[in-house]
C-alpha atoms as a PDB file:
ATOM      1  CA  MET A   1     -64.174 165.682  13.970  1.00  0.00           C
ATOM      2  CA  ARG A   2     -61.940 163.866  11.503  1.00  0.00           C
ATOM      3  CA  ASP A   3     -59.848 160.897  12.577  1.00  0.00           C
ATOM      4  CA  LEU A   4     -56.332 161.684  13.799  1.00  0.00           C
ATOM      5  CA  TRP A   5     -53.514 159.543  12.389  1.00  0.00           C
ATOM      6  CA  LEU A   6     -50.216 158.912  14.157  1.00  0.00           C
ATOM      7  CA  THR A   7     -47.690 158.412  11.380  1.00  0.00           C
ATOM      8  CA  HIS A   8     -44.155 156.967  11.258  1.00  0.00           C
ATOM      9  CA  ALA A   9     -45.077 154.775  14.214  1.00  0.00           C
ATOM     10  CA  ARG A  10     -43.724 151.439  15.400  1.00  0.00           C
ATOM     11  CA  CYS A  11     -46.985 149.830  16.555  1.00  0.00           C
ATOM     12  CA  ILE A  12     -46.746 147.105  19.183  1.00  0.00           C
ATOM     13  CA  LEU A  13     -49.398 144.519  18.283  1.00  0.00           C
ATOM     14  CA  ALA A  14     -50.315 141.042  19.468  1.00  0.00           C
ATOM     15  CA  ASP A  15     -48.368 139.440  16.617  1.00  0.00           C
ATOM     16  CA  GLY A  16     -45.318 141.682  16.720  1.00  0.00           C
ATOM     17  CA  ILE A  17     -44.117 145.186  15.909  1.00  0.00           C
ATOM     18  CA  ARG A  18     -45.423 146.770  12.713  1.00  0.00           C
ATOM     19  CA  GLU A  19     -44.271 150.035  11.182  1.00  0.00           C
ATOM     20  CA  GLY A  20     -47.065 152.225   9.893  1.00  0.00           C
ATOM     21  CA  CYS A  21     -49.863 154.540  10.982  1.00  0.00           C
ATOM     22  CA  LEU A  22     -52.493 154.307  13.674  1.00  0.00           C
ATOM     23  CA  GLY A  23     -55.816 156.094  13.289  1.00  0.00           C
ATOM     24  CA  LEU A  24     -57.726 157.446  16.290  1.00  0.00           C
ATOM     25  CA  ARG A  25     -61.450 158.192  16.313  1.00  0.00           C
ATOM     26  CA  GLY A  26     -62.161 159.991  19.559  1.00  0.00           C
ATOM     27  CA  ASP A  27     -60.681 157.765  22.275  1.00  0.00           C
ATOM     28  CA  ARG A  28     -60.769 154.590  20.144  1.00  0.00           C
ATOM     29  CA  ILE A  29     -58.345 153.025  17.684  1.00  0.00           C
ATOM     30  CA  ALA A  30     -60.058 153.195  14.292  1.00  0.00           C
ATOM     31  CA  ALA A  31     -57.481 151.406  12.138  1.00  0.00           C
ATOM     32  CA  ILE A  32     -53.830 150.479  11.672  1.00  0.00           C
ATOM     33  CA  ARG A  33     -52.485 150.927   8.161  1.00  0.00           C
ATOM     34  CA  ARG A  34     -49.260 151.179   6.251  1.00  0.00           C
ATOM     35  CA  THR A  35     -50.005 154.780   5.256  1.00  0.00           C
ATOM     36  CA  ALA A  36     -52.538 157.391   6.351  1.00  0.00           C
ATOM     37  CA  PRO A  37     -55.485 158.236   4.067  1.00  0.00           C
ATOM     38  CA  ARG A  38     -54.984 161.135   1.683  1.00  0.00           C
ATOM     39  CA  GLY A  39     -55.834 164.474   3.304  1.00  0.00           C
ATOM     40  CA  ALA A  40     -56.024 163.026   6.837  1.00  0.00           C
ATOM     41  CA  ARG A  41     -55.059 164.916   9.987  1.00  0.00           C
ATOM     42  CA  THR A  42     -51.668 163.544  10.965  1.00  0.00           C
ATOM     43  CA  VAL A  43     -49.086 163.783  13.712  1.00  0.00           C
ATOM     44  CA  SER A  44     -45.685 162.198  13.144  1.00  0.00           C
ATOM     45  CA  VAL A  45     -44.286 160.296  16.126  1.00  0.00           C
ATOM     46  CA  ALA A  46     -40.911 160.090  14.377  1.00  0.00           C
ATOM     47  CA  GLY A  47     -40.350 156.360  14.728  1.00  0.00           C
ATOM     48  CA  ALA A  48     -41.431 156.082  18.376  1.00  0.00           C
ATOM     49  CA  PHE A  49     -43.187 152.997  19.677  1.00  0.00           C
ATOM     50  CA  VAL A  50     -46.974 153.203  19.963  1.00  0.00           C
ATOM     51  CA  ALA A  51     -48.234 150.727  22.562  1.00  0.00           C
ATOM     52  CA  PRO A  52     -51.430 149.976  24.463  1.00  0.00           C
ATOM     53  CA  GLY A  53     -51.586 151.819  27.760  1.00  0.00           C
ATOM     54  CA  PHE A  54     -50.633 149.887  30.873  1.00  0.00           C
ATOM     55  CA  ILE A  55     -53.260 149.238  33.565  1.00  0.00           C
ATOM     56  CA  ASP A  56     -51.871 149.178  37.122  1.00  0.00           C
ATOM     57  CA  LEU A  57     -53.980 146.983  39.408  1.00  0.00           C
ATOM     58  CA  HIS A  58     -52.077 147.766  42.589  1.00  0.00           C
ATOM     59  CA  VAL A  59     -50.810 151.243  43.342  1.00  0.00           C
ATOM     60  CA  TRP A  60     -50.900 153.204  46.582  1.00  0.00           C
ATOM     61  CA  GLY A  61     -51.138 156.947  47.013  1.00  0.00           C
ATOM     62  CA  PRO A  62     -53.568 159.824  46.439  1.00  0.00           C
ATOM     63  CA  PRO A  63     -55.257 159.215  43.063  1.00  0.00           C
ATOM     64  CA  THR A  64     -54.679 162.812  41.958  1.00  0.00           C
ATOM     65  CA  LEU A  65     -50.912 162.349  42.262  1.00  0.00           C
ATOM     66  CA  VAL A  66     -50.880 158.783  40.951  1.00  0.00           C
ATOM     67  CA  ALA A  67     -52.862 159.777  37.850  1.00  0.00           C
ATOM     68  CA  ARG A  68     -50.406 162.467  36.842  1.00  0.00           C
ATOM     69  CA  ASP A  69     -47.227 160.495  37.547  1.00  0.00           C
ATOM     70  CA  ALA A  70     -48.496 157.204  36.079  1.00  0.00           C
ATOM     71  CA  ALA A  71     -49.388 158.783  32.747  1.00  0.00           C
ATOM     72  CA  ARG A  72     -45.797 159.930  32.257  1.00  0.00           C
ATOM     73  CA  ALA A  73     -44.650 156.296  32.119  1.00  0.00           C
ATOM     74  CA  GLY A  74     -47.421 154.954  29.892  1.00  0.00           C
ATOM     75  CA  THR A  75     -50.022 153.878  32.465  1.00  0.00           C
ATOM     76  CA  THR A  76     -53.457 154.982  31.257  1.00  0.00           C
ATOM     77  CA  GLY A  77     -55.625 153.392  33.956  1.00  0.00           C
ATOM     78  CA  PHE A  78     -55.193 152.165  37.519  1.00  0.00           C
ATOM     79  CA  LEU A  79     -56.950 150.808  40.582  1.00  0.00           C
ATOM     80  CA  THR A  80     -56.401 152.923  43.663  1.00  0.00           C
ATOM     81  CA  THR A  81     -55.434 150.736  46.630  1.00  0.00           C
ATOM     82  CA  LEU A  82     -56.597 150.858  50.244  1.00  0.00           C
ATOM     83  CA  GLY A  83     -55.474 148.547  53.036  1.00  0.00           C
ATOM     84  CA  PRO A  84     -56.625 147.413  56.472  1.00  0.00           C
ATOM     85  CA  GLU A  85     -58.397 150.051  58.546  1.00  0.00           C
ATOM     86  CA  PRO A  86     -61.114 150.011  61.220  1.00  0.00           C
ATOM     87  CA  PRO A  87     -64.514 149.331  59.611  1.00  0.00           C
ATOM     88  CA  GLY A  88     -65.825 152.889  59.874  1.00  0.00           C
ATOM     89  CA  ALA A  89     -62.669 154.510  58.545  1.00  0.00           C
ATOM     90  CA  LEU A  90     -62.366 152.043  55.665  1.00  0.00           C
ATOM     91  CA  THR A  91     -65.980 152.640  54.632  1.00  0.00           C
ATOM     92  CA  ARG A  92     -65.432 156.400  54.687  1.00  0.00           C
ATOM     93  CA  HIS A  93     -62.224 156.242  52.683  1.00  0.00           C
ATOM     94  CA  VAL A  94     -63.743 153.852  50.150  1.00  0.00           C
ATOM     95  CA  ALA A  95     -66.557 156.331  49.568  1.00  0.00           C
ATOM     96  CA  GLU A  96     -64.073 159.191  49.119  1.00  0.00           C
ATOM     97  CA  ARG A  97     -61.925 157.288  46.617  1.00  0.00           C
ATOM     98  CA  ALA A  98     -64.970 156.143  44.645  1.00  0.00           C
ATOM     99  CA  GLN A  99     -65.746 159.751  43.714  1.00  0.00           C
ATOM    100  CA  MET A 100     -62.413 160.185  41.897  1.00  0.00           C
ATOM    101  CA  ARG A 101     -62.967 159.345  38.235  1.00  0.00           C
ATOM    102  CA  ARG A 102     -61.804 161.992  35.785  1.00  0.00           C
ATOM    103  CA  LEU A 103     -58.355 163.038  36.856  1.00  0.00           C
ATOM    104  CA  ASP A 104     -55.487 164.886  35.211  1.00  0.00           C
ATOM    105  CA  GLY A 105     -53.632 161.977  33.604  1.00  0.00           C
ATOM    106  CA  ALA A 106     -54.374 158.268  33.949  1.00  0.00           C
ATOM    107  CA  GLU A 107     -57.942 157.221  34.712  1.00  0.00           C
ATOM    108  CA  CYS A 108     -58.902 155.758  38.085  1.00  0.00           C
ATOM    109  CA  LEU A 109     -60.804 152.601  37.102  1.00  0.00           C
ATOM    110  CA  GLY A 110     -61.908 151.652  40.609  1.00  0.00           C
ATOM    111  CA  LEU A 111     -60.619 150.355  43.932  1.00  0.00           C
ATOM    112  CA  HIS A 112     -58.403 147.510  45.069  1.00  0.00           C
ATOM    113  CA  LEU A 113     -58.783 146.477  48.712  1.00  0.00           C
ATOM    114  CA  GLU A 114     -55.478 144.959  49.840  1.00  0.00           C
ATOM    115  CA  GLY A 115     -57.116 143.901  53.047  1.00  0.00           C
ATOM    116  CA  PRO A 116     -58.535 143.924  55.628  1.00  0.00           C
ATOM    117  CA  PHE A 117     -59.232 140.244  54.888  1.00  0.00           C
ATOM    118  CA  ILE A 118     -55.625 139.042  55.073  1.00  0.00           C
ATOM    119  CA  ASN A 119     -53.454 137.023  57.439  1.00  0.00           C
ATOM    120  CA  PRO A 120     -51.541 139.071  60.055  1.00  0.00           C
ATOM    121  CA  ALA A 121     -48.767 136.458  59.981  1.00  0.00           C
ATOM    122  CA  ARG A 122     -48.040 137.616  56.419  1.00  0.00           C
ATOM    123  CA  GLY A 123     -49.125 141.209  56.835  1.00  0.00           C
ATOM    124  CA  GLY A 124     -45.847 142.778  55.792  1.00  0.00           C
ATOM    125  CA  ALA A 125     -45.947 146.557  56.222  1.00  0.00           C
ATOM    126  CA  LEU A 126     -49.743 146.683  56.552  1.00  0.00           C
ATOM    127  CA  PRO A 127     -51.313 147.378  59.973  1.00  0.00           C
ATOM    128  CA  ARG A 128     -51.982 144.008  61.599  1.00  0.00           C
ATOM    129  CA  THR A 129     -54.384 145.342  64.224  1.00  0.00           C
ATOM    130  CA  ASP A 130     -56.979 146.089  61.536  1.00  0.00           C
ATOM    131  CA  MET A 131     -56.811 142.746  59.714  1.00  0.00           C
ATOM    132  CA  ARG A 132     -59.882 140.569  60.179  1.00  0.00           C
ATOM    133  CA  ARG A 133     -61.872 137.661  58.824  1.00  0.00           C
ATOM    134  CA  PRO A 134     -63.829 138.316  55.648  1.00  0.00           C
ATOM    135  CA  GLY A 135     -67.546 138.859  55.986  1.00  0.00           C
ATOM    136  CA  ILE A 136     -70.169 139.248  53.285  1.00  0.00           C
ATOM    137  CA  ALA A 137     -71.984 141.926  55.286  1.00  0.00           C
ATOM    138  CA  GLU A 138     -68.869 144.099  55.337  1.00  0.00           C
ATOM    139  CA  LEU A 139     -68.194 143.467  51.645  1.00  0.00           C
ATOM    140  CA  GLN A 140     -71.729 144.561  50.833  1.00  0.00           C
ATOM    141  CA  ARG A 141     -71.383 147.691  52.965  1.00  0.00           C
ATOM    142  CA  LEU A 142     -68.072 148.613  51.363  1.00  0.00           C
ATOM    143  CA  GLN A 143     -69.358 148.056  47.836  1.00  0.00           C
ATOM    144  CA  ARG A 144     -72.406 150.227  48.538  1.00  0.00           C
ATOM    145  CA  ALA A 145     -70.130 152.972  49.860  1.00  0.00           C
ATOM    146  CA  ALA A 146     -67.982 152.616  46.736  1.00  0.00           C
ATOM    147  CA  ARG A 147     -71.049 152.799  44.464  1.00  0.00           C
ATOM    148  CA  GLY A 148     -70.013 149.503  42.907  1.00  0.00           C
ATOM    149  CA  ARG A 149     -66.474 150.625  42.102  1.00  0.00           C
ATOM    150  CA  ILE A 150     -64.548 148.002  44.104  1.00  0.00           C
ATOM    151  CA  ARG A 151     -62.953 145.895  41.355  1.00  0.00           C
ATOM    152  CA  LEU A 152     -60.373 143.768  43.197  1.00  0.00           C
ATOM    153  CA  VAL A 153     -60.129 142.381  46.735  1.00  0.00           C
ATOM    154  CA  THR A 154     -57.091 140.598  48.172  1.00  0.00           C
ATOM    155  CA  VAL A 155     -58.110 137.721  50.461  1.00  0.00           C
ATOM    156  CA  ALA A 156     -56.117 135.177  52.482  1.00  0.00           C
ATOM    157  CA  PRO A 157     -57.986 131.958  51.626  1.00  0.00           C
ATOM    158  CA  GLU A 158     -57.175 130.188  54.901  1.00  0.00           C
ATOM    159  CA  LEU A 159     -59.255 132.653  56.944  1.00  0.00           C
ATOM    160  CA  ARG A 160     -62.675 131.538  58.128  1.00  0.00           C
ATOM    161  CA  GLY A 161     -65.310 132.811  55.720  1.00  0.00           C
ATOM    162  CA  ALA A 162     -62.845 133.373  52.877  1.00  0.00           C
ATOM    163  CA  VAL A 163     -64.395 130.984  50.353  1.00  0.00           C
ATOM    164  CA  ALA A 164     -67.876 132.430  50.930  1.00  0.00           C
ATOM    165  CA  ALA A 165     -66.446 135.933  50.450  1.00  0.00           C
ATOM    166  CA  ILE A 166     -64.688 134.834  47.254  1.00  0.00           C
ATOM    167  CA  ARG A 167     -67.935 133.400  45.906  1.00  0.00           C
ATOM    168  CA  TRP A 168     -69.686 136.679  46.721  1.00  0.00           C
ATOM    169  CA  CYS A 169     -66.998 138.570  44.816  1.00  0.00           C
ATOM    170  CA  ARG A 170     -67.324 136.258  41.837  1.00  0.00           C
ATOM    171  CA  SER A 171     -71.105 136.716  41.678  1.00  0.00           C
ATOM    172  CA  HIS A 172     -70.835 140.515  41.972  1.00  0.00           C
ATOM    173  CA  GLY A 173     -68.197 141.149  39.315  1.00  0.00           C
ATOM    174  CA  VAL A 174     -65.318 141.678  41.756  1.00  0.00           C
ATOM    175  CA  ILE A 175     -61.997 139.877  41.197  1.00  0.00           C
ATOM    176  CA  ALA A 176     -60.868 137.958  44.276  1.00  0.00           C
ATOM    177  CA  SER A 177     -57.071 137.858  44.493  1.00  0.00           C
ATOM    178  CA  LEU A 178     -55.217 135.564  46.910  1.00  0.00           C
ATOM    179  CA  GLY A 179     -52.446 137.083  48.964  1.00  0.00           C
ATOM    180  CA  HIS A 180     -50.852 137.939  52.333  1.00  0.00           C
ATOM    181  CA  SER A 181     -51.428 134.297  53.115  1.00  0.00           C
ATOM    182  CA  LEU A 182     -50.070 131.121  54.698  1.00  0.00           C
ATOM    183  CA  ALA A 183     -52.485 128.945  52.727  1.00  0.00           C
ATOM    184  CA  ALA A 184     -51.568 125.351  51.931  1.00  0.00           C
ATOM    185  CA  PRO A 185     -52.072 124.239  48.302  1.00  0.00           C
ATOM    186  CA  HIS A 186     -55.380 122.457  48.918  1.00  0.00           C
ATOM    187  CA  THR A 187     -56.777 125.586  50.588  1.00  0.00           C
ATOM    188  CA  ALA A 188     -55.607 127.761  47.716  1.00  0.00           C
ATOM    189  CA  ARG A 189     -57.193 125.393  45.201  1.00  0.00           C
ATOM    190  CA  GLN A 190     -60.501 125.497  47.096  1.00  0.00           C
ATOM    191  CA  ALA A 191     -60.378 129.283  46.784  1.00  0.00           C
ATOM    192  CA  VAL A 192     -59.716 129.033  43.050  1.00  0.00           C
ATOM    193  CA  GLU A 193     -62.621 126.628  42.691  1.00  0.00           C
ATOM    194  CA  GLY A 194     -64.721 129.178  44.569  1.00  0.00           C
ATOM    195  CA  GLY A 195     -63.866 131.851  42.013  1.00  0.00           C
ATOM    196  CA  ALA A 196     -60.502 133.429  42.875  1.00  0.00           C
ATOM    197  CA  ARG A 197     -58.751 134.466  39.666  1.00  0.00           C
ATOM    198  CA  ALA A 198     -55.586 136.329  40.678  1.00  0.00           C
ATOM    199  CA  VAL A 199     -52.720 136.391  43.178  1.00  0.00           C
ATOM    200  CA  THR A 200     -51.446 139.609  44.736  1.00  0.00           C
ATOM    201  CA  HIS A 201     -47.711 140.322  44.283  1.00  0.00           C
ATOM    202  CA  VAL A 202     -46.589 136.729  43.672  1.00  0.00           C
ATOM    203  CA  PHE A 203     -43.640 135.647  45.891  1.00  0.00           C
ATOM    204  CA  ASN A 204     -44.289 138.511  48.332  1.00  0.00           C
ATOM    205  CA  GLY A 205     -46.522 137.983  51.374  1.00  0.00           C
ATOM    206  CA  MET A 206     -46.489 134.183  51.135  1.00  0.00           C
ATOM    207  CA  PRO A 207     -44.066 131.351  51.940  1.00  0.00           C
ATOM    208  CA  PRO A 208     -41.316 130.837  49.337  1.00  0.00           C
ATOM    209  CA  LEU A 209     -40.932 127.779  47.135  1.00  0.00           C
ATOM    210  CA  HIS A 210     -39.861 124.758  49.165  1.00  0.00           C
ATOM    211  CA  HIS A 211     -39.451 121.183  48.002  1.00  0.00           C
ATOM    212  CA  ARG A 212     -41.135 119.740  51.122  1.00  0.00           C
ATOM    213  CA  GLU A 213     -43.573 122.483  52.115  1.00  0.00           C
ATOM    214  CA  PRO A 214     -45.675 123.611  49.137  1.00  0.00           C
ATOM    215  CA  SER A 215     -47.792 126.737  49.530  1.00  0.00           C
ATOM    216  CA  LEU A 216     -50.030 129.234  47.759  1.00  0.00           C
ATOM    217  CA  LEU A 217     -47.057 130.101  45.569  1.00  0.00           C
ATOM    218  CA  ASP A 218     -47.069 126.628  43.977  1.00  0.00           C
ATOM    219  CA  VAL A 219     -50.727 127.035  43.015  1.00  0.00           C
ATOM    220  CA  ALA A 220     -50.144 130.571  41.753  1.00  0.00           C
ATOM    221  CA  LEU A 221     -47.456 129.343  39.362  1.00  0.00           C
ATOM    222  CA  THR A 222     -49.167 126.169  38.118  1.00  0.00           C
ATOM    223  CA  ASP A 223     -52.954 126.624  38.124  1.00  0.00           C
ATOM    224  CA  GLU A 224     -53.979 128.041  34.741  1.00  0.00           C
ATOM    225  CA  ARG A 225     -57.156 129.523  36.178  1.00  0.00           C
END
């Protein structure tokens, strides 16, 4: 099949916005040019912006519905989120979500576990009764049930076993994200040194900025890692 060229586009690139044409080869960008090649298949986007698709790392809801609705607003991929549940139920639901790949709309790229390894004192709307300390055995069981599709895990770094769990995530290609936490800065930094590389919904689920009582938020805003 010949490349398809989107013409009269305003392409959003790393160095700015460029007017021109974008060539697609299958599901890949083949080239960006001022004009399309002679005789090419073309579709005019009539001056609309052409941008990379958004990837949503944290969205709740049935993946079939999320996929359809997300695509309408420019999200092309997402992580489906699950929260604290009893161990058996969470394992079962992880396995069910892991089967959802090709959907009508945005692509489900894997799972985000927003718990159960979070602090009940900063649990927000999540069920506190099912929050618990992180354990490598449970992480292994969940990842097996997910067939390796758990991509992101939110962890409160002050919980016993958190740093070991974060190291396990790091060594197994899972992003450990700090959140729903009362962690002091030194505890948060220990977690970052252990391999944590993200923070879940910054400002929410953690103490606010305070000039005498620093928290996870201070580390989230200042640590370049």
